Amino acid sequence: MGYSNVALKDKIIEMYPEIYQNNLSLGLDFNPEKDAYVITIKKQSHELSAYLDKSDADECMDGTKCIHLGLKIGEFVKNYNA
């Protein structure tokens, strides 16, 4: 499946609106050595990085939520959105 980093980032934000609802910044880069995307979530001085496998990214683009990524985002919001 072919898509750009911007399209994947937009899809993640669409699926997990709490990212922008909680004023988090989202970075996304592909790491060819790991064949995975590196997702970086930031709020002020707090930062979380997580890997999203290419197969999970493909499913995300098809509208299937990635439970692992969703849990990481939820945990980050809970911990740093005081």
PDB file of N, CA and C in Angstrom:
ATOM      1  N   MET A   1       0.851  -1.175   0.000  1.00  0.00           N
ATOM      2  CA  MET A   1       0.000   0.000   0.000  1.00  0.00           C
ATOM      3  C   MET A   1       0.895   1.235   0.000  1.00  0.00           C
ATOM      4  N   GLY A   2       0.596   2.181  -0.871  1.00  0.00           N
ATOM      5  CA  GLY A   2       1.400   3.383  -0.942  1.00  0.00           C
ATOM      6  C   GLY A   2       0.664   4.592  -0.381  1.00  0.00           C
ATOM      7  N   TYR A   3       1.307   5.311   0.504  1.00  0.00           N
ATOM      8  CA  TYR A   3       0.755   6.528   1.093  1.00  0.00           C
ATOM      9  C   TYR A   3       1.912   7.347   1.642  1.00  0.00           C
ATOM     10  N   SER A   4       1.669   8.603   1.845  1.00  0.00           N
ATOM     11  CA  SER A   4       2.717   9.490   2.349  1.00  0.00           C
ATOM     12  C   SER A   4       2.692   9.533   3.878  1.00  0.00           C
ATOM     13  N   ASN A   5       3.779  10.049   4.444  1.00  0.00           N
ATOM     14  CA  ASN A   5       3.828  10.245   5.895  1.00  0.00           C
ATOM     15  C   ASN A   5       2.722  11.200   6.340  1.00  0.00           C
ATOM     16  N   VAL A   6       2.465  12.224   5.519  1.00  0.00           N
ATOM     17  CA  VAL A   6       1.430  13.202   5.861  1.00  0.00           C
ATOM     18  C   VAL A   6       0.057  12.525   5.907  1.00  0.00           C
ATOM     19  N   ALA A   7      -0.223  11.663   4.936  1.00  0.00           N
ATOM     20  CA  ALA A   7      -1.507  10.957   4.915  1.00  0.00           C
ATOM     21  C   ALA A   7      -1.661  10.059   6.141  1.00  0.00           C
ATOM     22  N   LEU A   8      -0.601   9.369   6.520  1.00  0.00           N
ATOM     23  CA  LEU A   8      -0.657   8.503   7.701  1.00  0.00           C
ATOM     24  C   LEU A   8      -0.842   9.333   8.962  1.00  0.00           C
ATOM     25  N   LYS A   9      -0.120  10.420   9.061  1.00  0.00           N
ATOM     26  CA  LYS A   9      -0.246  11.305  10.223  1.00  0.00           C
ATOM     27  C   LYS A   9      -1.678  11.836  10.325  1.00  0.00           C
ATOM     28  N   ASP A  10      -2.238  12.280   9.204  1.00  0.00           N
ATOM     29  CA  ASP A  10      -3.613  12.778   9.194  1.00  0.00           C
ATOM     30  C   ASP A  10      -4.598  11.684   9.622  1.00  0.00           C
ATOM     31  N   LYS A  11      -4.359  10.460   9.183  1.00  0.00           N
ATOM     32  CA  LYS A  11      -5.241   9.343   9.539  1.00  0.00           C
ATOM     33  C   LYS A  11      -5.158   9.040  11.035  1.00  0.00           C
ATOM     34  N   ILE A  12      -3.955   9.073  11.581  1.00  0.00           N
ATOM     35  CA  ILE A  12      -3.780   8.836  13.020  1.00  0.00           C
ATOM     36  C   ILE A  12      -4.514   9.910  13.822  1.00  0.00           C
ATOM     37  N   ILE A  13      -4.398  11.158  13.397  1.00  0.00           N
ATOM     38  CA  ILE A  13      -5.078  12.255  14.092  1.00  0.00           C
ATOM     39  C   ILE A  13      -6.595  12.102  13.969  1.00  0.00           C
ATOM     40  N   GLU A  14      -7.061  11.653  12.814  1.00  0.00           N
ATOM     41  CA  GLU A  14      -8.492  11.409  12.620  1.00  0.00           C
ATOM     42  C   GLU A  14      -8.981  10.300  13.550  1.00  0.00           C
ATOM     43  N   MET A  15      -8.190   9.237  13.692  1.00  0.00           N
ATOM     44  CA  MET A  15      -8.590   8.103  14.513  1.00  0.00           C
ATOM     45  C   MET A  15      -8.430   8.364  16.008  1.00  0.00           C
ATOM     46  N   TYR A  16      -7.509   9.224  16.350  1.00  0.00           N
ATOM     47  CA  TYR A  16      -7.227   9.536  17.753  1.00  0.00           C
ATOM     48  C   TYR A  16      -7.305  11.053  17.955  1.00  0.00           C
ATOM     49  N   PRO A  17      -8.517  11.624  17.947  1.00  0.00           N
ATOM     50  CA  PRO A  17      -8.667  13.084  18.045  1.00  0.00           C
ATOM     51  C   PRO A  17      -8.164  13.666  19.362  1.00  0.00           C
ATOM     52  N   GLU A  18      -7.976  12.806  20.362  1.00  0.00           N
ATOM     53  CA  GLU A  18      -7.462  13.307  21.643  1.00  0.00           C
ATOM     54  C   GLU A  18      -6.060  13.902  21.498  1.00  0.00           C
ATOM     55  N   ILE A  19      -5.383  13.608  20.409  1.00  0.00           N
ATOM     56  CA  ILE A  19      -4.054  14.187  20.176  1.00  0.00           C
ATOM     57  C   ILE A  19      -4.166  15.707  20.129  1.00  0.00           C
ATOM     58  N   TYR A  20      -5.027  16.219  19.260  1.00  0.00           N
ATOM     59  CA  TYR A  20      -5.165  17.675  19.151  1.00  0.00           C
ATOM     60  C   TYR A  20      -6.093  18.245  20.209  1.00  0.00           C
ATOM     61  N   GLN A  21      -7.058  17.457  20.686  1.00  0.00           N
ATOM     62  CA  GLN A  21      -7.939  17.939  21.746  1.00  0.00           C
ATOM     63  C   GLN A  21      -7.151  18.281  23.002  1.00  0.00           C
ATOM     64  N   ASN A  22      -6.010  17.614  23.188  1.00  0.00           N
ATOM     65  CA  ASN A  22      -5.173  17.835  24.368  1.00  0.00           C
ATOM     66  C   ASN A  22      -3.895  18.599  24.031  1.00  0.00           C
ATOM     67  N   ASN A  23      -3.887  19.258  22.880  1.00  0.00           N
ATOM     68  CA  ASN A  23      -2.759  20.099  22.450  1.00  0.00           C
ATOM     69  C   ASN A  23      -1.426  19.355  22.430  1.00  0.00           C
ATOM     70  N   LEU A  24      -1.445  18.122  21.921  1.00  0.00           N
ATOM     71  CA  LEU A  24      -0.217  17.352  21.773  1.00  0.00           C
ATOM     72  C   LEU A  24       0.313  17.560  20.358  1.00  0.00           C
ATOM     73  N   SER A  25       1.618  17.521  20.203  1.00  0.00           N
ATOM     74  CA  SER A  25       2.178  17.552  18.852  1.00  0.00           C
ATOM     75  C   SER A  25       2.536  16.124  18.466  1.00  0.00           C
ATOM     76  N   LEU A  26       2.361  15.826  17.197  1.00  0.00           N
ATOM     77  CA  LEU A  26       2.597  14.481  16.687  1.00  0.00           C
ATOM     78  C   LEU A  26       3.625  14.536  15.578  1.00  0.00           C
ATOM     79  N   GLY A  27       4.697  13.777  15.754  1.00  0.00           N
ATOM     80  CA  GLY A  27       5.707  13.645  14.714  1.00  0.00           C
ATOM     81  C   GLY A  27       5.699  12.223  14.193  1.00  0.00           C
ATOM     82  N   LEU A  28       6.080  12.061  12.928  1.00  0.00           N
ATOM     83  CA  LEU A  28       6.053  10.741  12.328  1.00  0.00           C
ATOM     84  C   LEU A  28       7.170  10.654  11.286  1.00  0.00           C
ATOM     85  N   ASP A  29       8.019   9.661  11.424  1.00  0.00           N
ATOM     86  CA  ASP A  29       9.097   9.414  10.470  1.00  0.00           C
ATOM     87  C   ASP A  29       9.200   7.916  10.234  1.00  0.00           C
ATOM     88  N   PHE A  30       9.562   7.544   9.007  1.00  0.00           N
ATOM     89  CA  PHE A  30       9.745   6.131   8.697  1.00  0.00           C
ATOM     90  C   PHE A  30      11.195   5.743   8.946  1.00  0.00           C
ATOM     91  N   ASN A  31      11.404   4.619   9.651  1.00  0.00           N
ATOM     92  CA  ASN A  31      12.734   4.085   9.916  1.00  0.00           C
ATOM     93  C   ASN A  31      12.896   2.828   9.057  1.00  0.00           C
ATOM     94  N   PRO A  32      13.634   2.932   7.938  1.00  0.00           N
ATOM     95  CA  PRO A  32      13.759   1.779   7.044  1.00  0.00           C
ATOM     96  C   PRO A  32      14.475   0.585   7.673  1.00  0.00           C
ATOM     97  N   GLU A  33      15.374   0.828   8.616  1.00  0.00           N
ATOM     98  CA  GLU A  33      16.083  -0.275   9.277  1.00  0.00           C
ATOM     99  C   GLU A  33      15.127  -1.143  10.084  1.00  0.00           C
ATOM    100  N   LYS A  34      14.126  -0.529  10.688  1.00  0.00           N
ATOM    101  CA  LYS A  34      13.151  -1.264  11.504  1.00  0.00           C
ATOM    102  C   LYS A  34      11.890  -1.598  10.703  1.00  0.00           C
ATOM    103  N   ASP A  35      11.790  -1.060   9.486  1.00  0.00           N
ATOM    104  CA  ASP A  35      10.597  -1.203   8.656  1.00  0.00           C
ATOM    105  C   ASP A  35       9.364  -0.804   9.457  1.00  0.00           C
ATOM    106  N   ALA A  36       9.488   0.340  10.145  1.00  0.00           N
ATOM    107  CA  ALA A  36       8.425   0.827  11.014  1.00  0.00           C
ATOM    108  C   ALA A  36       8.458   2.352  11.050  1.00  0.00           C
ATOM    109  N   TYR A  37       7.327   2.915  11.433  1.00  0.00           N
ATOM    110  CA  TYR A  37       7.234   4.356  11.630  1.00  0.00           C
ATOM    111  C   TYR A  37       7.540   4.668  13.089  1.00  0.00           C
ATOM    112  N   VAL A  38       8.252   5.753  13.314  1.00  0.00           N
ATOM    113  CA  VAL A  38       8.507   6.235  14.664  1.00  0.00           C
ATOM    114  C   VAL A  38       7.518   7.371  14.906  1.00  0.00           C
ATOM    115  N   ILE A  39       6.646   7.156  15.864  1.00  0.00           N
ATOM    116  CA  ILE A  39       5.646   8.148  16.246  1.00  0.00           C
ATOM    117  C   ILE A  39       6.180   8.871  17.474  1.00  0.00           C
ATOM    118  N   THR A  40       6.197  10.197  17.430  1.00  0.00           N
ATOM    119  CA  THR A  40       6.654  10.993  18.564  1.00  0.00           C
ATOM    120  C   THR A  40       5.518  11.911  18.990  1.00  0.00           C
ATOM    121  N   ILE A  41       5.149  11.808  20.259  1.00  0.00           N
ATOM    122  CA  ILE A  41       4.092  12.643  20.825  1.00  0.00           C
ATOM    123  C   ILE A  41       4.749  13.539  21.868  1.00  0.00           C
ATOM    124  N   LYS A  42       4.456  14.834  21.791  1.00  0.00           N
ATOM    125  CA  LYS A  42       5.072  15.785  22.714  1.00  0.00           C
ATOM    126  C   LYS A  42       4.020  16.714  23.312  1.00  0.00           C
ATOM    127  N   LYS A  43       4.276  17.090  24.545  1.00  0.00           N
ATOM    128  CA  LYS A  43       3.546  18.170  25.203  1.00  0.00           C
ATOM    129  C   LYS A  43       4.523  18.823  26.151  1.00  0.00           C
ATOM    130  N   GLN A  44       4.824  20.079  25.868  1.00  0.00           N
ATOM    131  CA  GLN A  44       5.814  20.843  26.625  1.00  0.00           C
ATOM    132  C   GLN A  44       7.129  20.062  26.670  1.00  0.00           C
ATOM    133  N   SER A  45       7.634  19.751  27.840  1.00  0.00           N
ATOM    134  CA  SER A  45       8.927  19.050  27.929  1.00  0.00           C
ATOM    135  C   SER A  45       8.772  17.529  27.943  1.00  0.00           C
ATOM    136  N   HIS A  46       7.547  17.036  27.859  1.00  0.00           N
ATOM    137  CA  HIS A  46       7.288  15.602  27.908  1.00  0.00           C
ATOM    138  C   HIS A  46       7.228  15.025  26.496  1.00  0.00           C
ATOM    139  N   GLU A  47       7.808  13.846  26.311  1.00  0.00           N
ATOM    140  CA  GLU A  47       7.858  13.232  24.992  1.00  0.00           C
ATOM    141  C   GLU A  47       7.735  11.717  25.097  1.00  0.00           C
ATOM    142  N   LEU A  48       7.018  11.144  24.145  1.00  0.00           N
ATOM    143  CA  LEU A  48       6.856   9.699  24.066  1.00  0.00           C
ATOM    144  C   LEU A  48       7.128   9.280  22.633  1.00  0.00           C
ATOM    145  N   SER A  49       7.927   8.238  22.462  1.00  0.00           N
ATOM    146  CA  SER A  49       8.166   7.676  21.132  1.00  0.00           C
ATOM    147  C   SER A  49       7.659   6.246  21.118  1.00  0.00           C
ATOM    148  N   ALA A  50       7.070   5.872  19.997  1.00  0.00           N
ATOM    149  CA  ALA A  50       6.554   4.509  19.823  1.00  0.00           C
ATOM    150  C   ALA A  50       6.755   4.102  18.375  1.00  0.00           C
ATOM    151  N   TYR A  51       6.919   2.803  18.160  1.00  0.00           N
ATOM    152  CA  TYR A  51       7.051   2.270  16.803  1.00  0.00           C
ATOM    153  C   TYR A  51       5.699   1.771  16.319  1.00  0.00           C
ATOM    154  N   LEU A  52       5.428   2.025  15.057  1.00  0.00           N
ATOM    155  CA  LEU A  52       4.239   1.510  14.396  1.00  0.00           C
ATOM    156  C   LEU A  52       4.725   0.715  13.194  1.00  0.00           C
ATOM    157  N   ASP A  53       4.601  -0.610  13.294  1.00  0.00           N
ATOM    158  CA  ASP A  53       5.056  -1.476  12.209  1.00  0.00           C
ATOM    159  C   ASP A  53       4.353  -1.106  10.905  1.00  0.00           C
ATOM    160  N   LYS A  54       5.035  -1.357   9.802  1.00  0.00           N
ATOM    161  CA  LYS A  54       4.483  -1.042   8.484  1.00  0.00           C
ATOM    162  C   LYS A  54       3.130  -1.729   8.301  1.00  0.00           C
ATOM    163  N   SER A  55       2.995  -2.972   8.733  1.00  0.00           N
ATOM    164  CA  SER A  55       1.714  -3.684   8.587  1.00  0.00           C
ATOM    165  C   SER A  55       0.612  -3.018   9.411  1.00  0.00           C
ATOM    166  N   ASP A  56       0.953  -2.531  10.616  1.00  0.00           N
ATOM    167  CA  ASP A  56      -0.029  -1.814  11.440  1.00  0.00           C
ATOM    168  C   ASP A  56      -0.401  -0.483  10.791  1.00  0.00           C
ATOM    169  N   ALA A  57       0.580   0.186  10.189  1.00  0.00           N
ATOM    170  CA  ALA A  57       0.317   1.448   9.500  1.00  0.00           C
ATOM    171  C   ALA A  57      -0.620   1.215   8.319  1.00  0.00           C
ATOM    172  N   ASP A  58      -0.401   0.116   7.593  1.00  0.00           N
ATOM    173  CA  ASP A  58      -1.281  -0.221   6.471  1.00  0.00           C
ATOM    174  C   ASP A  58      -2.721  -0.418   6.954  1.00  0.00           C
ATOM    175  N   GLU A  59      -2.879  -1.123   8.073  1.00  0.00           N
ATOM    176  CA  GLU A  59      -4.211  -1.341   8.634  1.00  0.00           C
ATOM    177  C   GLU A  59      -4.832  -0.031   9.099  1.00  0.00           C
ATOM    178  N   CYS A  60      -4.010   0.824   9.666  1.00  0.00           N
ATOM    179  CA  CYS A  60      -4.481   2.137  10.108  1.00  0.00           C
ATOM    180  C   CYS A  60      -5.050   2.917   8.918  1.00  0.00           C
ATOM    181  N   MET A  61      -4.342   2.879   7.793  1.00  0.00           N
ATOM    182  CA  MET A  61      -4.813   3.578   6.601  1.00  0.00           C
ATOM    183  C   MET A  61      -6.114   2.982   6.078  1.00  0.00           C
ATOM    184  N   ASP A  62      -6.363   1.719   6.394  1.00  0.00           N
ATOM    185  CA  ASP A  62      -7.621   1.064   6.008  1.00  0.00           C
ATOM    186  C   ASP A  62      -8.733   1.315   7.025  1.00  0.00           C
ATOM    187  N   GLY A  63      -8.411   2.046   8.114  1.00  0.00           N
ATOM    188  CA  GLY A  63      -9.419   2.379   9.109  1.00  0.00           C
ATOM    189  C   GLY A  63      -9.450   1.488  10.328  1.00  0.00           C
ATOM    190  N   THR A  64      -8.482   0.576  10.453  1.00  0.00           N
ATOM    191  CA  THR A  64      -8.410  -0.298  11.620  1.00  0.00           C
ATOM    192  C   THR A  64      -7.531   0.367  12.678  1.00  0.00           C
ATOM    193  N   LYS A  65      -8.097   0.587  13.863  1.00  0.00           N
ATOM    194  CA  LYS A  65      -7.324   1.232  14.923  1.00  0.00           C
ATOM    195  C   LYS A  65      -6.228   0.314  15.428  1.00  0.00           C
ATOM    196  N   CYS A  66      -5.079   0.897  15.676  1.00  0.00           N
ATOM    197  CA  CYS A  66      -3.951   0.174  16.253  1.00  0.00           C
ATOM    198  C   CYS A  66      -4.074   0.265  17.770  1.00  0.00           C
ATOM    199  N   ILE A  67      -4.427  -0.815  18.395  1.00  0.00           N
ATOM    200  CA  ILE A  67      -4.684  -0.817  19.837  1.00  0.00           C
ATOM    201  C   ILE A  67      -3.439  -0.391  20.616  1.00  0.00           C
ATOM    202  N   HIS A  68      -2.275  -0.897  20.229  1.00  0.00           N
ATOM    203  CA  HIS A  68      -1.031  -0.557  20.925  1.00  0.00           C
ATOM    204  C   HIS A  68      -0.792   0.950  20.895  1.00  0.00           C
ATOM    205  N   LEU A  69      -0.927   1.568  19.730  1.00  0.00           N
ATOM    206  CA  LEU A  69      -0.718   3.006  19.613  1.00  0.00           C
ATOM    207  C   LEU A  69      -1.775   3.768  20.400  1.00  0.00           C
ATOM    208  N   GLY A  70      -3.016   3.321  20.330  1.00  0.00           N
ATOM    209  CA  GLY A  70      -4.091   3.968  21.076  1.00  0.00           C
ATOM    210  C   GLY A  70      -3.856   3.940  22.576  1.00  0.00           C
ATOM    211  N   LEU A  71      -3.355   2.822  23.081  1.00  0.00           N
ATOM    212  CA  LEU A  71      -3.042   2.731  24.511  1.00  0.00           C
ATOM    213  C   LEU A  71      -1.922   3.685  24.894  1.00  0.00           C
ATOM    214  N   LYS A  72      -0.897   3.776  24.047  1.00  0.00           N
ATOM    215  CA  LYS A  72       0.219   4.691  24.316  1.00  0.00           C
ATOM    216  C   LYS A  72      -0.261   6.137  24.349  1.00  0.00           C
ATOM    217  N   ILE A  73      -1.113   6.507  23.382  1.00  0.00           N
ATOM    218  CA  ILE A  73      -1.642   7.869  23.332  1.00  0.00           C
ATOM    219  C   ILE A  73      -2.490   8.141  24.574  1.00  0.00           C
ATOM    220  N   GLY A  74      -3.357   7.207  24.936  1.00  0.00           N
ATOM    221  CA  GLY A  74      -4.204   7.369  26.116  1.00  0.00           C
ATOM    222  C   GLY A  74      -3.389   7.501  27.391  1.00  0.00           C
ATOM    223  N   GLU A  75      -2.339   6.718  27.510  1.00  0.00           N
ATOM    224  CA  GLU A  75      -1.469   6.771  28.679  1.00  0.00           C
ATOM    225  C   GLU A  75      -0.767   8.131  28.751  1.00  0.00           C
ATOM    226  N   PHE A  76      -0.289   8.615  27.617  1.00  0.00           N
ATOM    227  CA  PHE A  76       0.391   9.901  27.573  1.00  0.00           C
ATOM    228  C   PHE A  76      -0.568  11.018  27.983  1.00  0.00           C
ATOM    229  N   VAL A  77      -1.770  11.011  27.435  1.00  0.00           N
ATOM    230  CA  VAL A  77      -2.771  12.029  27.778  1.00  0.00           C
ATOM    231  C   VAL A  77      -3.060  11.999  29.274  1.00  0.00           C
ATOM    232  N   LYS A  78      -3.250  10.815  29.820  1.00  0.00           N
ATOM    233  CA  LYS A  78      -3.550  10.655  31.243  1.00  0.00           C
ATOM    234  C   LYS A  78      -2.409  11.212  32.115  1.00  0.00           C
ATOM    235  N   ASN A  79      -1.177  10.922  31.739  1.00  0.00           N
ATOM    236  CA  ASN A  79      -0.025  11.304  32.547  1.00  0.00           C
ATOM    237  C   ASN A  79       0.350  12.780  32.439  1.00  0.00           C
ATOM    238  N   TYR A  80       0.143  13.384  31.265  1.00  0.00           N
ATOM    239  CA  TYR A  80       0.702  14.722  31.055  1.00  0.00           C
ATOM    240  C   TYR A  80      -0.327  15.774  30.685  1.00  0.00           C
ATOM    241  N   ASN A  81      -1.585  15.518  30.898  1.00  0.00           N
ATOM    242  CA  ASN A  81      -2.590  16.503  30.562  1.00  0.00           C
ATOM    243  C   ASN A  81      -3.275  17.018  31.828  1.00  0.00           C
ATOM    244  N   ALA A  82      -2.469  17.452  32.755  1.00  0.00           N
ATOM    245  CA  ALA A  82      -3.016  17.967  34.016  1.00  0.00           C
ATOM    246  C   ALA A  82      -3.287  19.450  33.914  1.00  0.00           C
TER     247      ALA A  82
END
